[in-house]
Amino acid sequence: MSVAKKYLKTKDVCKVTFTVPAEEAKKVAVVGDFNNWKANKASALKKLKNGSFKGTFELPKESTYEFKYIIDGNYVNESEADRYQWNDFAGSENAVLVV
């Protein structure tokens, strides 16, 4: 799994690309503070020919977001997150993205 950040000079946003290698998976989405934890069409990652899932989102700069992947219904943390934070509501740690 990986997260790539590309800061734009012309906008106060960062393009964040999430990549999840999950050849056996049917559906992968990224949910978090930036999309109200909603797994829907907008949060779905596209399956590529190599079997990985990928999606890019524009997120406001100078913010911190908790997030997780949903892989075929199972919540999974990003292994390369900026850090992890305990979430009482989820009862587990969430990955944290610092933009």
PDB file of N, CA and C in Angstrom:
ATOM      1  N   MET A   1       0.842  -1.166   0.000  1.00  0.00           N
ATOM      2  CA  MET A   1       0.000   0.000   0.000  1.00  0.00           C
ATOM      3  C   MET A   1       0.889   1.232   0.000  1.00  0.00           C
ATOM      4  N   SER A   2       0.356   2.307  -0.539  1.00  0.00           N
ATOM      5  CA  SER A   2       1.135   3.538  -0.525  1.00  0.00           C
ATOM      6  C   SER A   2       0.237   4.756  -0.659  1.00  0.00           C
ATOM      7  N   VAL A   3       0.792   5.879  -0.205  1.00  0.00           N
ATOM      8  CA  VAL A   3       0.128   7.168  -0.319  1.00  0.00           C
ATOM      9  C   VAL A   3       1.144   8.126  -0.919  1.00  0.00           C
ATOM     10  N   ALA A   4       0.774   8.779  -2.020  1.00  0.00           N
ATOM     11  CA  ALA A   4       1.645   9.766  -2.655  1.00  0.00           C
ATOM     12  C   ALA A   4       0.970  11.123  -2.588  1.00  0.00           C
ATOM     13  N   LYS A   5       1.744  12.139  -2.209  1.00  0.00           N
ATOM     14  CA  LYS A   5       1.204  13.494  -2.077  1.00  0.00           C
ATOM     15  C   LYS A   5       1.838  14.400  -3.128  1.00  0.00           C
ATOM     16  N   LYS A   6       1.002  15.200  -3.776  1.00  0.00           N
ATOM     17  CA  LYS A   6       1.494  16.181  -4.751  1.00  0.00           C
ATOM     18  C   LYS A   6       0.840  17.519  -4.423  1.00  0.00           C
ATOM     19  N   TYR A   7       1.665  18.440  -3.943  1.00  0.00           N
ATOM     20  CA  TYR A   7       1.151  19.754  -3.552  1.00  0.00           C
ATOM     21  C   TYR A   7       1.050  20.644  -4.786  1.00  0.00           C
ATOM     22  N   LEU A   8      -0.081  21.313  -4.928  1.00  0.00           N
ATOM     23  CA  LEU A   8      -0.310  22.195  -6.063  1.00  0.00           C
ATOM     24  C   LEU A   8       0.045  23.627  -5.683  1.00  0.00           C
ATOM     25  N   LYS A   9       0.751  24.322  -6.573  1.00  0.00           N
ATOM     26  CA  LYS A   9       1.142  25.702  -6.310  1.00  0.00           C
ATOM     27  C   LYS A   9      -0.014  26.669  -6.532  1.00  0.00           C
ATOM     28  N   THR A  10      -0.922  26.318  -7.418  1.00  0.00           N
ATOM     29  CA  THR A  10      -2.000  27.230  -7.798  1.00  0.00           C
ATOM     30  C   THR A  10      -3.241  27.105  -6.922  1.00  0.00           C
ATOM     31  N   LYS A  11      -3.329  26.062  -6.103  1.00  0.00           N
ATOM     32  CA  LYS A  11      -4.491  25.837  -5.246  1.00  0.00           C
ATOM     33  C   LYS A  11      -4.024  25.486  -3.842  1.00  0.00           C
ATOM     34  N   ASP A  12      -4.898  25.692  -2.869  1.00  0.00           N
ATOM     35  CA  ASP A  12      -4.597  25.305  -1.488  1.00  0.00           C
ATOM     36  C   ASP A  12      -5.009  23.864  -1.221  1.00  0.00           C
ATOM     37  N   VAL A  13      -4.688  22.978  -2.154  1.00  0.00           N
ATOM     38  CA  VAL A  13      -5.005  21.561  -2.000  1.00  0.00           C
ATOM     39  C   VAL A  13      -3.782  20.709  -2.316  1.00  0.00           C
ATOM     40  N   CYS A  14      -3.860  19.487  -1.865  1.00  0.00           N
ATOM     41  CA  CYS A  14      -2.839  18.490  -2.170  1.00  0.00           C
ATOM     42  C   CYS A  14      -3.546  17.332  -2.858  1.00  0.00           C
ATOM     43  N   LYS A  15      -2.989  16.873  -3.983  1.00  0.00           N
ATOM     44  CA  LYS A  15      -3.530  15.684  -4.646  1.00  0.00           C
ATOM     45  C   LYS A  15      -2.901  14.467  -3.966  1.00  0.00           C
ATOM     46  N   VAL A  16      -3.753  13.665  -3.357  1.00  0.00           N
ATOM     47  CA  VAL A  16      -3.294  12.491  -2.630  1.00  0.00           C
ATOM     48  C   VAL A  16      -3.736  11.251  -3.393  1.00  0.00           C
ATOM     49  N   THR A  17      -2.767  10.426  -3.761  1.00  0.00           N
ATOM     50  CA  THR A  17      -3.054   9.198  -4.504  1.00  0.00           C
ATOM     51  C   THR A  17      -2.853   8.003  -3.579  1.00  0.00           C
ATOM     52  N   PHE A  18      -3.918   7.218  -3.429  1.00  0.00           N
ATOM     53  CA  PHE A  18      -3.896   6.008  -2.615  1.00  0.00           C
ATOM     54  C   PHE A  18      -3.768   4.814  -3.558  1.00  0.00           C
ATOM     55  N   THR A  19      -2.831   3.917  -3.266  1.00  0.00           N
ATOM     56  CA  THR A  19      -2.644   2.704  -4.066  1.00  0.00           C
ATOM     57  C   THR A  19      -2.656   1.494  -3.135  1.00  0.00           C
ATOM     58  N   VAL A  20      -3.506   0.527  -3.463  1.00  0.00           N
ATOM     59  CA  VAL A  20      -3.658  -0.664  -2.631  1.00  0.00           C
ATOM     60  C   VAL A  20      -3.496  -1.900  -3.509  1.00  0.00           C
ATOM     61  N   PRO A  21      -2.431  -2.702  -3.276  1.00  0.00           N
ATOM     62  CA  PRO A  21      -2.307  -3.961  -4.016  1.00  0.00           C
ATOM     63  C   PRO A  21      -3.254  -4.995  -3.410  1.00  0.00           C
ATOM     64  N   ALA A  22      -4.272  -5.364  -4.160  1.00  0.00           N
ATOM     65  CA  ALA A  22      -5.274  -6.305  -3.641  1.00  0.00           C
ATOM     66  C   ALA A  22      -5.867  -7.085  -4.807  1.00  0.00           C
ATOM     67  N   GLU A  23      -5.055  -7.932  -5.420  1.00  0.00           N
ATOM     68  CA  GLU A  23      -5.458  -8.663  -6.629  1.00  0.00           C
ATOM     69  C   GLU A  23      -6.728  -9.473  -6.447  1.00  0.00           C
ATOM     70  N   GLU A  24      -6.921 -10.056  -5.281  1.00  0.00           N
ATOM     71  CA  GLU A  24      -8.072 -10.925  -5.035  1.00  0.00           C
ATOM     72  C   GLU A  24      -9.339 -10.147  -4.682  1.00  0.00           C
ATOM     73  N   ALA A  25      -9.189  -8.856  -4.367  1.00  0.00           N
ATOM     74  CA  ALA A  25     -10.335  -8.067  -3.908  1.00  0.00           C
ATOM     75  C   ALA A  25     -11.272  -7.702  -5.050  1.00  0.00           C
ATOM     76  N   LYS A  26     -12.537  -7.543  -4.685  1.00  0.00           N
ATOM     77  CA  LYS A  26     -13.540  -7.099  -5.652  1.00  0.00           C
ATOM     78  C   LYS A  26     -13.770  -5.588  -5.543  1.00  0.00           C
ATOM     79  N   LYS A  27     -13.741  -5.065  -4.290  1.00  0.00           N
ATOM     80  CA  LYS A  27     -13.973  -3.640  -4.056  1.00  0.00           C
ATOM     81  C   LYS A  27     -13.003  -3.103  -3.015  1.00  0.00           C
ATOM     82  N   VAL A  28     -12.477  -1.902  -3.290  1.00  0.00           N
ATOM     83  CA  VAL A  28     -11.630  -1.193  -2.324  1.00  0.00           C
ATOM     84  C   VAL A  28     -12.065   0.263  -2.325  1.00  0.00           C
ATOM     85  N   ALA A  29     -12.215   0.811  -1.121  1.00  0.00           N
ATOM     86  CA  ALA A  29     -12.550   2.227  -0.967  1.00  0.00           C
ATOM     87  C   ALA A  29     -11.657   2.813   0.115  1.00  0.00           C
ATOM     88  N   VAL A  30     -11.490   4.122   0.071  1.00  0.00           N
ATOM     89  CA  VAL A  30     -10.781   4.825   1.139  1.00  0.00           C
ATOM     90  C   VAL A  30     -11.788   5.742   1.823  1.00  0.00           C
ATOM     91  N   VAL A  31     -11.898   5.595   3.135  1.00  0.00           N
ATOM     92  CA  VAL A  31     -12.842   6.401   3.896  1.00  0.00           C
ATOM     93  C   VAL A  31     -12.102   7.084   5.037  1.00  0.00           C
ATOM     94  N   GLY A  32     -12.598   8.261   5.400  1.00  0.00           N
ATOM     95  CA  GLY A  32     -11.943   8.980   6.483  1.00  0.00           C
ATOM     96  C   GLY A  32     -12.639  10.287   6.790  1.00  0.00           C
ATOM     97  N   ASP A  33     -11.941  11.105   7.578  1.00  0.00           N
ATOM     98  CA  ASP A  33     -12.471  12.412   7.958  1.00  0.00           C
ATOM     99  C   ASP A  33     -12.816  13.267   6.740  1.00  0.00           C
ATOM    100  N   PHE A  34     -12.083  13.090   5.656  1.00  0.00           N
ATOM    101  CA  PHE A  34     -12.263  13.932   4.464  1.00  0.00           C
ATOM    102  C   PHE A  34     -13.521  13.602   3.666  1.00  0.00           C
ATOM    103  N   ASN A  35     -14.160  12.452   3.926  1.00  0.00           N
ATOM    104  CA  ASN A  35     -15.403  12.114   3.220  1.00  0.00           C
ATOM    105  C   ASN A  35     -16.470  11.562   4.163  1.00  0.00           C
ATOM    106  N   ASN A  36     -16.389  11.971   5.430  1.00  0.00           N
ATOM    107  CA  ASN A  36     -17.357  11.556   6.454  1.00  0.00           C
ATOM    108  C   ASN A  36     -17.475  10.042   6.598  1.00  0.00           C
ATOM    109  N   TRP A  37     -16.388   9.328   6.325  1.00  0.00           N
ATOM    110  CA  TRP A  37     -16.329   7.876   6.477  1.00  0.00           C
ATOM    111  C   TRP A  37     -17.379   7.169   5.630  1.00  0.00           C
ATOM    112  N   LYS A  38     -17.715   7.740   4.480  1.00  0.00           N
ATOM    113  CA  LYS A  38     -18.736   7.171   3.589  1.00  0.00           C
ATOM    114  C   LYS A  38     -18.083   6.325   2.496  1.00  0.00           C
ATOM    115  N   ALA A  39     -18.455   5.070   2.444  1.00  0.00           N
ATOM    116  CA  ALA A  39     -18.017   4.188   1.358  1.00  0.00           C
ATOM    117  C   ALA A  39     -19.057   4.295   0.253  1.00  0.00           C
ATOM    118  N   ASN A  40     -18.728   5.015  -0.789  1.00  0.00           N
ATOM    119  CA  ASN A  40     -19.649   5.194  -1.909  1.00  0.00           C
ATOM    120  C   ASN A  40     -18.851   5.284  -3.208  1.00  0.00           C
ATOM    121  N   LYS A  41     -19.515   5.657  -4.278  1.00  0.00           N
ATOM    122  CA  LYS A  41     -18.849   5.720  -5.578  1.00  0.00           C
ATOM    123  C   LYS A  41     -17.666   6.692  -5.563  1.00  0.00           C
ATOM    124  N   ALA A  42     -17.812   7.812  -4.854  1.00  0.00           N
ATOM    125  CA  ALA A  42     -16.751   8.816  -4.802  1.00  0.00           C
ATOM    126  C   ALA A  42     -15.522   8.330  -4.026  1.00  0.00           C
ATOM    127  N   SER A  43     -15.713   7.416  -3.086  1.00  0.00           N
ATOM    128  CA  SER A  43     -14.585   6.937  -2.285  1.00  0.00           C
ATOM    129  C   SER A  43     -13.970   5.643  -2.821  1.00  0.00           C
ATOM    130  N   ALA A  44     -14.586   5.067  -3.844  1.00  0.00           N
ATOM    131  CA  ALA A  44     -14.094   3.804  -4.417  1.00  0.00           C
ATOM    132  C   ALA A  44     -12.796   4.030  -5.188  1.00  0.00           C
ATOM    133  N   LEU A  45     -11.892   3.076  -5.064  1.00  0.00           N
ATOM    134  CA  LEU A  45     -10.655   3.094  -5.845  1.00  0.00           C
ATOM    135  C   LEU A  45     -10.862   2.228  -7.079  1.00  0.00           C
ATOM    136  N   LYS A  46     -10.214   2.608  -8.178  1.00  0.00           N
ATOM    137  CA  LYS A  46     -10.355   1.872  -9.442  1.00  0.00           C
ATOM    138  C   LYS A  46      -9.379   0.705  -9.496  1.00  0.00           C
ATOM    139  N   LYS A  47      -9.874  -0.423  -9.972  1.00  0.00           N
ATOM    140  CA  LYS A  47      -9.003  -1.583 -10.128  1.00  0.00           C
ATOM    141  C   LYS A  47      -8.212  -1.444 -11.420  1.00  0.00           C
ATOM    142  N   LEU A  48      -6.899  -1.619 -11.313  1.00  0.00           N
ATOM    143  CA  LEU A  48      -6.012  -1.535 -12.474  1.00  0.00           C
ATOM    144  C   LEU A  48      -5.732  -2.922 -13.019  1.00  0.00           C
ATOM    145  N   LYS A  49      -5.165  -2.974 -14.226  1.00  0.00           N
ATOM    146  CA  LYS A  49      -4.856  -4.264 -14.867  1.00  0.00           C
ATOM    147  C   LYS A  49      -3.881  -5.104 -14.055  1.00  0.00           C
ATOM    148  N   ASN A  50      -2.995  -4.447 -13.289  1.00  0.00           N
ATOM    149  CA  ASN A  50      -2.006  -5.194 -12.502  1.00  0.00           C
ATOM    150  C   ASN A  50      -2.589  -5.750 -11.198  1.00  0.00           C
ATOM    151  N   GLY A  51      -3.892  -5.503 -10.949  1.00  0.00           N
ATOM    152  CA  GLY A  51      -4.551  -6.049  -9.773  1.00  0.00           C
ATOM    153  C   GLY A  51      -4.605  -5.101  -8.589  1.00  0.00           C
ATOM    154  N   SER A  52      -3.921  -3.967  -8.684  1.00  0.00           N
ATOM    155  CA  SER A  52      -3.987  -3.016  -7.579  1.00  0.00           C
ATOM    156  C   SER A  52      -5.143  -2.042  -7.793  1.00  0.00           C
ATOM    157  N   PHE A  53      -5.510  -1.351  -6.738  1.00  0.00           N
ATOM    158  CA  PHE A  53      -6.568  -0.345  -6.775  1.00  0.00           C
ATOM    159  C   PHE A  53      -5.934   1.012  -6.542  1.00  0.00           C
ATOM    160  N   LYS A  54      -6.446   2.029  -7.243  1.00  0.00           N
ATOM    161  CA  LYS A  54      -5.825   3.343  -7.152  1.00  0.00           C
ATOM    162  C   LYS A  54      -6.872   4.440  -7.277  1.00  0.00           C
ATOM    163  N   GLY A  55      -6.659   5.534  -6.537  1.00  0.00           N
ATOM    164  CA  GLY A  55      -7.549   6.684  -6.625  1.00  0.00           C
ATOM    165  C   GLY A  55      -6.855   7.929  -6.122  1.00  0.00           C
ATOM    166  N   THR A  56      -7.221   9.082  -6.699  1.00  0.00           N
ATOM    167  CA  THR A  56      -6.628  10.360  -6.314  1.00  0.00           C
ATOM    168  C   THR A  56      -7.717  11.299  -5.819  1.00  0.00           C
ATOM    169  N   PHE A  57      -7.429  11.969  -4.714  1.00  0.00           N
ATOM    170  CA  PHE A  57      -8.367  12.897  -4.089  1.00  0.00           C
ATOM    171  C   PHE A  57      -7.666  14.218  -3.841  1.00  0.00           C
ATOM    172  N   GLU A  58      -8.384  15.320  -4.016  1.00  0.00           N
ATOM    173  CA  GLU A  58      -7.855  16.639  -3.680  1.00  0.00           C
ATOM    174  C   GLU A  58      -8.295  16.979  -2.268  1.00  0.00           C
ATOM    175  N   LEU A  59      -7.308  17.161  -1.370  1.00  0.00           N
ATOM    176  CA  LEU A  59      -7.607  17.452   0.024  1.00  0.00           C
ATOM    177  C   LEU A  59      -6.998  18.796   0.412  1.00  0.00           C
ATOM    178  N   PRO A  60      -7.699  19.583   1.227  1.00  0.00           N
ATOM    179  CA  PRO A  60      -7.165  20.872   1.663  1.00  0.00           C
ATOM    180  C   PRO A  60      -5.820  20.714   2.379  1.00  0.00           C
ATOM    181  N   LYS A  61      -4.894  21.629   2.072  1.00  0.00           N
ATOM    182  CA  LYS A  61      -3.567  21.612   2.694  1.00  0.00           C
ATOM    183  C   LYS A  61      -3.659  21.985   4.164  1.00  0.00           C
ATOM    184  N   GLU A  62      -2.558  21.696   4.857  1.00  0.00           N
ATOM    185  CA  GLU A  62      -2.395  22.033   6.266  1.00  0.00           C
ATOM    186  C   GLU A  62      -3.494  21.436   7.132  1.00  0.00           C
ATOM    187  N   SER A  63      -3.820  20.187   6.857  1.00  0.00           N
ATOM    188  CA  SER A  63      -4.836  19.469   7.617  1.00  0.00           C
ATOM    189  C   SER A  63      -4.343  18.065   7.945  1.00  0.00           C
ATOM    190  N   THR A  64      -4.997  17.454   8.900  1.00  0.00           N
ATOM    191  CA  THR A  64      -4.701  16.086   9.296  1.00  0.00           C
ATOM    192  C   THR A  64      -5.992  15.284   9.195  1.00  0.00           C
ATOM    193  N   TYR A  65      -5.890  14.084   8.641  1.00  0.00           N
ATOM    194  CA  TYR A  65      -7.085  13.260   8.415  1.00  0.00           C
ATOM    195  C   TYR A  65      -6.848  11.844   8.925  1.00  0.00           C
ATOM    196  N   GLU A  66      -7.828  11.286   9.630  1.00  0.00           N
ATOM    197  CA  GLU A  66      -7.814   9.862   9.959  1.00  0.00           C
ATOM    198  C   GLU A  66      -8.495   9.141   8.806  1.00  0.00           C
ATOM    199  N   PHE A  67      -7.987   7.953   8.463  1.00  0.00           N
ATOM    200  CA  PHE A  67      -8.592   7.199   7.363  1.00  0.00           C
ATOM    201  C   PHE A  67      -8.277   5.715   7.472  1.00  0.00           C
ATOM    202  N   LYS A  68      -9.030   4.931   6.711  1.00  0.00           N
ATOM    203  CA  LYS A  68      -8.791   3.491   6.548  1.00  0.00           C
ATOM    204  C   LYS A  68      -9.256   3.089   5.158  1.00  0.00           C
ATOM    205  N   TYR A  69      -8.792   1.943   4.730  1.00  0.00           N
ATOM    206  CA  TYR A  69      -9.295   1.334   3.502  1.00  0.00           C
ATOM    207  C   TYR A  69     -10.389   0.345   3.884  1.00  0.00           C
ATOM    208  N   ILE A  70     -11.353   0.189   2.999  1.00  0.00           N
ATOM    209  CA  ILE A  70     -12.324  -0.899   3.146  1.00  0.00           C
ATOM    210  C   ILE A  70     -12.075  -1.837   1.966  1.00  0.00           C
ATOM    211  N   ILE A  71     -11.568  -3.020   2.276  1.00  0.00           N
ATOM    212  CA  ILE A  71     -11.254  -4.018   1.253  1.00  0.00           C
ATOM    213  C   ILE A  71     -12.250  -5.154   1.412  1.00  0.00           C
ATOM    214  N   ASP A  72     -13.167  -5.256   0.460  1.00  0.00           N
ATOM    215  CA  ASP A  72     -14.232  -6.266   0.504  1.00  0.00           C
ATOM    216  C   ASP A  72     -14.908  -6.322   1.878  1.00  0.00           C
ATOM    217  N   GLY A  73     -15.226  -5.149   2.426  1.00  0.00           N
ATOM    218  CA  GLY A  73     -15.954  -5.069   3.682  1.00  0.00           C
ATOM    219  C   GLY A  73     -15.103  -5.045   4.943  1.00  0.00           C
ATOM    220  N   ASN A  74     -13.795  -5.266   4.819  1.00  0.00           N
ATOM    221  CA  ASN A  74     -12.901  -5.278   5.979  1.00  0.00           C
ATOM    222  C   ASN A  74     -12.100  -3.985   6.063  1.00  0.00           C
ATOM    223  N   TYR A  75     -12.071  -3.376   7.241  1.00  0.00           N
ATOM    224  CA  TYR A  75     -11.298  -2.149   7.448  1.00  0.00           C
ATOM    225  C   TYR A  75      -9.821  -2.486   7.619  1.00  0.00           C
ATOM    226  N   VAL A  76      -8.963  -1.785   6.865  1.00  0.00           N
ATOM    227  CA  VAL A  76      -7.523  -2.050   6.864  1.00  0.00           C
ATOM    228  C   VAL A  76      -6.782  -0.713   6.942  1.00  0.00           C
ATOM    229  N   ASN A  77      -5.743  -0.657   7.775  1.00  0.00           N
ATOM    230  CA  ASN A  77      -4.926   0.547   7.870  1.00  0.00           C
ATOM    231  C   ASN A  77      -3.871   0.589   6.773  1.00  0.00           C
ATOM    232  N   GLU A  78      -3.457   1.802   6.434  1.00  0.00           N
ATOM    233  CA  GLU A  78      -2.361   2.034   5.487  1.00  0.00           C
ATOM    234  C   GLU A  78      -1.046   1.743   6.208  1.00  0.00           C
ATOM    235  N   SER A  79      -0.226   0.869   5.639  1.00  0.00           N
ATOM    236  CA  SER A  79       1.043   0.506   6.274  1.00  0.00           C
ATOM    237  C   SER A  79       2.061   1.641   6.238  1.00  0.00           C
ATOM    238  N   GLU A  80       1.899   2.588   5.317  1.00  0.00           N
ATOM    239  CA  GLU A  80       2.846   3.700   5.190  1.00  0.00           C
ATOM    240  C   GLU A  80       2.217   5.027   5.627  1.00  0.00           C
ATOM    241  N   ALA A  81       1.319   4.979   6.595  1.00  0.00           N
ATOM    242  CA  ALA A  81       0.662   6.196   7.086  1.00  0.00           C
ATOM    243  C   ALA A  81       1.688   7.107   7.760  1.00  0.00           C
ATOM    244  N   ASP A  82       1.355   8.391   7.835  1.00  0.00           N
ATOM    245  CA  ASP A  82       2.238   9.337   8.517  1.00  0.00           C
ATOM    246  C   ASP A  82       2.335   9.006  10.005  1.00  0.00           C
ATOM    247  N   ARG A  83       1.260   8.518  10.575  1.00  0.00           N
ATOM    248  CA  ARG A  83       1.246   8.023  11.951  1.00  0.00           C
ATOM    249  C   ARG A  83      -0.092   7.296  12.160  1.00  0.00           C
ATOM    250  N   TYR A  84      -0.308   6.801  13.372  1.00  0.00           N
ATOM    251  CA  TYR A  84      -1.555   6.134  13.729  1.00  0.00           C
ATOM    252  C   TYR A  84      -2.131   6.804  14.964  1.00  0.00           C
ATOM    253  N   GLN A  85      -3.454   6.799  15.068  1.00  0.00           N
ATOM    254  CA  GLN A  85      -4.117   7.447  16.190  1.00  0.00           C
ATOM    255  C   GLN A  85      -5.263   6.577  16.676  1.00  0.00           C
ATOM    256  N   TRP A  86      -5.340   6.402  18.011  1.00  0.00           N
ATOM    257  CA  TRP A  86      -6.422   5.617  18.590  1.00  0.00           C
ATOM    258  C   TRP A  86      -7.739   6.353  18.391  1.00  0.00           C
ATOM    259  N   ASN A  87      -8.791   5.612  18.027  1.00  0.00           N
ATOM    260  CA  ASN A  87     -10.114   6.181  17.840  1.00  0.00           C
ATOM    261  C   ASN A  87     -11.075   5.395  18.716  1.00  0.00           C
ATOM    262  N   ASP A  88     -11.634   6.061  19.732  1.00  0.00           N
ATOM    263  CA  ASP A  88     -12.545   5.388  20.667  1.00  0.00           C
ATOM    264  C   ASP A  88     -13.799   4.875  19.970  1.00  0.00           C
ATOM    265  N   PHE A  89     -14.327   5.630  18.999  1.00  0.00           N
ATOM    266  CA  PHE A  89     -15.538   5.224  18.291  1.00  0.00           C
ATOM    267  C   PHE A  89     -15.319   3.905  17.554  1.00  0.00           C
ATOM    268  N   ALA A  90     -14.167   3.793  16.876  1.00  0.00           N
ATOM    269  CA  ALA A  90     -13.856   2.570  16.119  1.00  0.00           C
ATOM    270  C   ALA A  90     -13.324   1.468  17.025  1.00  0.00           C
ATOM    271  N   GLY A  91     -12.773   1.845  18.172  1.00  0.00           N
ATOM    272  CA  GLY A  91     -12.171   0.846  19.062  1.00  0.00           C
ATOM    273  C   GLY A  91     -10.882   0.285  18.513  1.00  0.00           C
ATOM    274  N   SER A  92     -10.202   1.088  17.679  1.00  0.00           N
ATOM    275  CA  SER A  92      -8.940   0.654  17.087  1.00  0.00           C
ATOM    276  C   SER A  92      -8.152   1.880  16.635  1.00  0.00           C
ATOM    277  N   GLU A  93      -6.961   1.638  16.135  1.00  0.00           N
ATOM    278  CA  GLU A  93      -6.163   2.718  15.589  1.00  0.00           C
ATOM    279  C   GLU A  93      -6.560   2.985  14.152  1.00  0.00           C
ATOM    280  N   ASN A  94      -6.543   4.257  13.766  1.00  0.00           N
ATOM    281  CA  ASN A  94      -6.739   4.652  12.384  1.00  0.00           C
ATOM    282  C   ASN A  94      -5.418   5.179  11.835  1.00  0.00           C
ATOM    283  N   ALA A  95      -5.231   5.016  10.537  1.00  0.00           N
ATOM    284  CA  ALA A  95      -4.090   5.642   9.877  1.00  0.00           C
ATOM    285  C   ALA A  95      -4.337   7.146   9.849  1.00  0.00           C
ATOM    286  N   VAL A  96      -3.252   7.920   9.893  1.00  0.00           N
ATOM    287  CA  VAL A  96      -3.354   9.375   9.856  1.00  0.00           C
ATOM    288  C   VAL A  96      -2.553   9.891   8.669  1.00  0.00           C
ATOM    289  N   LEU A  97      -3.194  10.809   7.935  1.00  0.00           N
ATOM    290  CA  LEU A  97      -2.576  11.462   6.785  1.00  0.00           C
ATOM    291  C   LEU A  97      -2.389  12.929   7.133  1.00  0.00           C
ATOM    292  N   VAL A  98      -1.145  13.421   7.034  1.00  0.00           N
ATOM    293  CA  VAL A  98      -0.846  14.828   7.293  1.00  0.00           C
ATOM    294  C   VAL A  98      -0.561  15.483   5.946  1.00  0.00           C
ATOM    295  N   VAL A  99      -1.370  16.488   5.601  1.00  0.00           N
ATOM    296  CA  VAL A  99      -1.227  17.151   4.301  1.00  0.00           C
ATOM    297  C   VAL A  99      -0.795  18.588   4.521  1.00  0.00           C
TER     298      VAL A  99
END
